[in-house]
Amino acid sequence: MKHELKTWTEHFQDVWDGIKTFELRKNDRDYKVGDILLLREYNLDENEYTGNTIHKYVTHILEGGQFGLEEGYIIMSIE
């Protein structure tokens, strides 16, 4: 499944540069390993999308309710 997600500029750039290799999200879309994330850069100061996008694959999911992560949230490893 493909998920289109808003990503703030400072985080988008880190994903682009390969520094940020995870996404912390509310699991309101039933994310699964193998899903594709279409990350769309969003400039919070301008309140608009920049037009920059990047595709990432979900390779691992850590479910909330453990390790201090709130229930209903997940951390997705992406590449």
N, C-alpha and C. Protein backbone atom coordinates (compact mmCIF):
# COMPACT_ATOMS: atom_id res chain seq x y z
N MET A 1 0.84 -1.17 0.00
CA MET A 1 0.00 0.00 0.00
C MET A 1 0.89 1.24 0.00
N LYS A 2 0.42 2.29 -0.62
CA LYS A 2 1.15 3.55 -0.69
C LYS A 2 0.45 4.58 0.20
N HIS A 3 1.24 5.30 1.00
CA HIS A 3 0.72 6.32 1.91
C HIS A 3 1.37 7.65 1.57
N GLU A 4 0.57 8.67 1.34
CA GLU A 4 1.08 10.02 1.08
C GLU A 4 1.08 10.79 2.39
N LEU A 5 2.27 11.28 2.79
CA LEU A 5 2.41 11.91 4.10
C LEU A 5 3.09 13.27 4.00
N LYS A 6 2.60 14.20 4.79
CA LYS A 6 3.19 15.52 4.92
C LYS A 6 4.42 15.40 5.82
N THR A 7 5.55 16.00 5.40
CA THR A 7 6.78 15.97 6.18
C THR A 7 7.38 17.38 6.22
N TRP A 8 7.59 17.88 7.41
CA TRP A 8 8.13 19.24 7.56
C TRP A 8 9.53 19.32 6.98
N THR A 9 9.87 20.51 6.49
CA THR A 9 11.10 20.75 5.74
C THR A 9 12.35 20.22 6.44
N GLU A 10 12.54 20.54 7.73
CA GLU A 10 13.78 20.12 8.41
C GLU A 10 13.88 18.60 8.49
N HIS A 11 12.78 17.92 8.62
CA HIS A 11 12.79 16.46 8.66
C HIS A 11 12.92 15.87 7.25
N PHE A 12 12.28 16.48 6.28
CA PHE A 12 12.36 16.02 4.90
C PHE A 12 13.82 16.02 4.43
N GLN A 13 14.53 17.11 4.72
CA GLN A 13 15.92 17.21 4.29
C GLN A 13 16.78 16.12 4.91
N ASP A 14 16.53 15.80 6.18
CA ASP A 14 17.28 14.73 6.84
C ASP A 14 16.99 13.36 6.22
N VAL A 15 15.75 13.12 5.82
CA VAL A 15 15.41 11.87 5.11
C VAL A 15 16.14 11.87 3.77
N TRP A 16 16.07 12.97 3.06
CA TRP A 16 16.73 13.10 1.75
C TRP A 16 18.22 12.81 1.85
N ASP A 17 18.85 13.33 2.91
CA ASP A 17 20.29 13.16 3.10
C ASP A 17 20.67 11.80 3.69
N GLY A 18 19.67 10.98 4.05
CA GLY A 18 19.93 9.65 4.59
C GLY A 18 20.27 9.66 6.07
N ILE A 19 20.08 10.79 6.74
CA ILE A 19 20.36 10.91 8.17
C ILE A 19 19.20 10.36 8.99
N LYS A 20 17.98 10.66 8.58
CA LYS A 20 16.78 10.20 9.28
C LYS A 20 16.24 8.97 8.55
N THR A 21 16.27 7.83 9.22
CA THR A 21 15.89 6.56 8.59
C THR A 21 14.68 5.93 9.26
N PHE A 22 13.83 6.79 9.84
CA PHE A 22 12.64 6.30 10.53
C PHE A 22 11.53 7.34 10.44
N GLU A 23 10.32 6.91 10.68
CA GLU A 23 9.16 7.78 10.80
C GLU A 23 8.40 7.39 12.05
N LEU A 24 8.10 8.35 12.88
CA LEU A 24 7.25 8.17 14.06
C LEU A 24 5.88 8.72 13.69
N ARG A 25 4.87 7.86 13.73
CA ARG A 25 3.53 8.26 13.29
C ARG A 25 2.46 7.62 14.15
N LYS A 26 1.31 8.28 14.21
CA LYS A 26 0.12 7.65 14.77
C LYS A 26 -0.27 6.55 13.78
N ASN A 27 -0.58 5.38 14.29
CA ASN A 27 -0.91 4.26 13.39
C ASN A 27 -2.40 4.29 13.03
N ASP A 28 -2.79 5.33 12.32
CA ASP A 28 -4.17 5.50 11.90
C ASP A 28 -4.42 5.03 10.47
N ARG A 29 -3.40 4.40 9.88
CA ARG A 29 -3.51 3.92 8.49
C ARG A 29 -3.16 2.45 8.36
N ASP A 30 -2.99 1.77 9.46
CA ASP A 30 -2.64 0.35 9.45
C ASP A 30 -1.39 0.09 8.60
N TYR A 31 -0.33 0.81 8.92
CA TYR A 31 0.95 0.66 8.21
C TYR A 31 1.47 -0.77 8.34
N LYS A 32 2.13 -1.24 7.29
CA LYS A 32 2.69 -2.59 7.25
C LYS A 32 4.10 -2.55 6.66
N VAL A 33 4.93 -3.52 7.03
CA VAL A 33 6.23 -3.69 6.39
C VAL A 33 5.97 -3.92 4.90
N GLY A 34 6.74 -3.26 4.05
CA GLY A 34 6.56 -3.36 2.60
C GLY A 34 5.78 -2.20 2.01
N ASP A 35 5.09 -1.43 2.86
CA ASP A 35 4.35 -0.26 2.37
C ASP A 35 5.33 0.77 1.81
N ILE A 36 4.83 1.60 0.92
CA ILE A 36 5.60 2.69 0.34
C ILE A 36 5.09 3.99 0.95
N LEU A 37 6.02 4.83 1.40
CA LEU A 37 5.67 6.14 1.91
C LEU A 37 6.06 7.18 0.86
N LEU A 38 5.10 7.98 0.43
CA LEU A 38 5.38 9.13 -0.42
C LEU A 38 5.43 10.32 0.52
N LEU A 39 6.64 10.78 0.81
CA LEU A 39 6.82 11.90 1.72
C LEU A 39 6.85 13.19 0.91
N ARG A 40 5.94 14.11 1.26
CA ARG A 40 5.84 15.40 0.57
C ARG A 40 6.33 16.50 1.51
N GLU A 41 7.35 17.23 1.07
CA GLU A 41 7.91 18.29 1.89
C GLU A 41 6.89 19.41 2.10
N TYR A 42 6.73 19.80 3.36
CA TYR A 42 5.76 20.83 3.72
C TYR A 42 6.48 21.92 4.50
N ASN A 43 6.40 23.15 4.01
CA ASN A 43 7.00 24.30 4.68
C ASN A 43 5.99 24.85 5.67
N LEU A 44 6.26 24.64 6.94
CA LEU A 44 5.34 25.05 8.00
C LEU A 44 5.22 26.57 8.09
N ASP A 45 6.32 27.30 7.84
CA ASP A 45 6.28 28.76 7.91
C ASP A 45 5.40 29.36 6.81
N GLU A 46 5.45 28.77 5.62
CA GLU A 46 4.66 29.25 4.48
C GLU A 46 3.30 28.59 4.40
N ASN A 47 3.11 27.52 5.20
CA ASN A 47 1.85 26.78 5.20
C ASN A 47 1.50 26.23 3.82
N GLU A 48 2.54 25.63 3.16
CA GLU A 48 2.31 25.08 1.82
C GLU A 48 3.35 24.01 1.49
N TYR A 49 2.99 23.15 0.55
CA TYR A 49 3.91 22.13 0.05
C TYR A 49 4.96 22.80 -0.84
N THR A 50 6.19 22.28 -0.80
CA THR A 50 7.27 22.84 -1.62
C THR A 50 7.31 22.23 -3.02
N GLY A 51 6.72 21.06 -3.18
CA GLY A 51 6.79 20.34 -4.45
C GLY A 51 7.80 19.22 -4.43
N ASN A 52 8.67 19.18 -3.40
CA ASN A 52 9.66 18.10 -3.27
C ASN A 52 9.02 16.86 -2.67
N THR A 53 9.35 15.70 -3.24
CA THR A 53 8.82 14.43 -2.74
C THR A 53 9.93 13.39 -2.74
N ILE A 54 9.73 12.36 -1.95
CA ILE A 54 10.64 11.22 -1.93
C ILE A 54 9.84 9.98 -1.55
N HIS A 55 10.17 8.86 -2.16
CA HIS A 55 9.55 7.57 -1.84
C HIS A 55 10.48 6.78 -0.93
N LYS A 56 9.90 6.16 0.10
CA LYS A 56 10.65 5.31 1.01
C LYS A 56 9.83 4.05 1.28
N TYR A 57 10.53 2.93 1.50
CA TYR A 57 9.89 1.66 1.83
C TYR A 57 9.97 1.41 3.33
N VAL A 58 8.90 0.87 3.89
CA VAL A 58 8.87 0.51 5.30
C VAL A 58 9.51 -0.86 5.44
N THR A 59 10.59 -0.94 6.24
CA THR A 59 11.33 -2.19 6.39
C THR A 59 11.12 -2.84 7.76
N HIS A 60 10.64 -2.07 8.73
CA HIS A 60 10.43 -2.60 10.09
C HIS A 60 9.45 -1.68 10.80
N ILE A 61 8.64 -2.26 11.70
CA ILE A 61 7.70 -1.47 12.49
C ILE A 61 7.82 -1.85 13.95
N LEU A 62 7.97 -0.83 14.80
CA LEU A 62 7.95 -1.01 16.25
C LEU A 62 6.61 -0.46 16.74
N GLU A 63 5.80 -1.35 17.30
CA GLU A 63 4.46 -0.98 17.78
C GLU A 63 4.54 -0.26 19.12
N GLY A 64 3.62 0.68 19.33
CA GLY A 64 3.52 1.37 20.60
C GLY A 64 3.06 0.44 21.71
N GLY A 65 3.11 0.96 22.94
CA GLY A 65 2.75 0.16 24.09
C GLY A 65 3.96 -0.55 24.69
N GLN A 66 5.15 -0.23 24.18
CA GLN A 66 6.39 -0.82 24.70
C GLN A 66 7.53 0.18 24.51
N PHE A 67 8.58 0.02 25.28
CA PHE A 67 9.78 0.84 25.18
C PHE A 67 9.50 2.34 25.29
N GLY A 68 8.44 2.72 26.00
CA GLY A 68 8.11 4.12 26.20
C GLY A 68 7.33 4.75 25.07
N LEU A 69 7.01 3.99 24.05
CA LEU A 69 6.23 4.50 22.93
C LEU A 69 4.75 4.31 23.23
N GLU A 70 3.99 5.40 23.14
CA GLU A 70 2.58 5.37 23.48
C GLU A 70 1.79 4.42 22.57
N GLU A 71 0.85 3.73 23.17
CA GLU A 71 -0.05 2.85 22.41
C GLU A 71 -0.73 3.65 21.30
N GLY A 72 -0.85 3.03 20.13
CA GLY A 72 -1.49 3.69 18.99
C GLY A 72 -0.51 4.41 18.08
N TYR A 73 0.77 4.44 18.47
CA TYR A 73 1.82 5.05 17.66
C TYR A 73 2.82 3.97 17.24
N ILE A 74 3.55 4.24 16.17
CA ILE A 74 4.57 3.31 15.69
C ILE A 74 5.81 4.07 15.25
N ILE A 75 6.91 3.35 15.24
CA ILE A 75 8.13 3.84 14.61
C ILE A 75 8.40 2.91 13.42
N MET A 76 8.50 3.50 12.24
CA MET A 76 8.76 2.72 11.03
C MET A 76 10.20 2.96 10.59
N SER A 77 10.97 1.90 10.41
CA SER A 77 12.27 2.02 9.76
C SER A 77 12.01 2.14 8.26
N ILE A 78 12.74 3.06 7.61
CA ILE A 78 12.51 3.29 6.17
C ILE A 78 13.84 3.28 5.42
N GLU A 79 13.75 2.85 4.17
CA GLU A 79 14.93 2.91 3.28
C GLU A 79 14.49 3.18 1.87
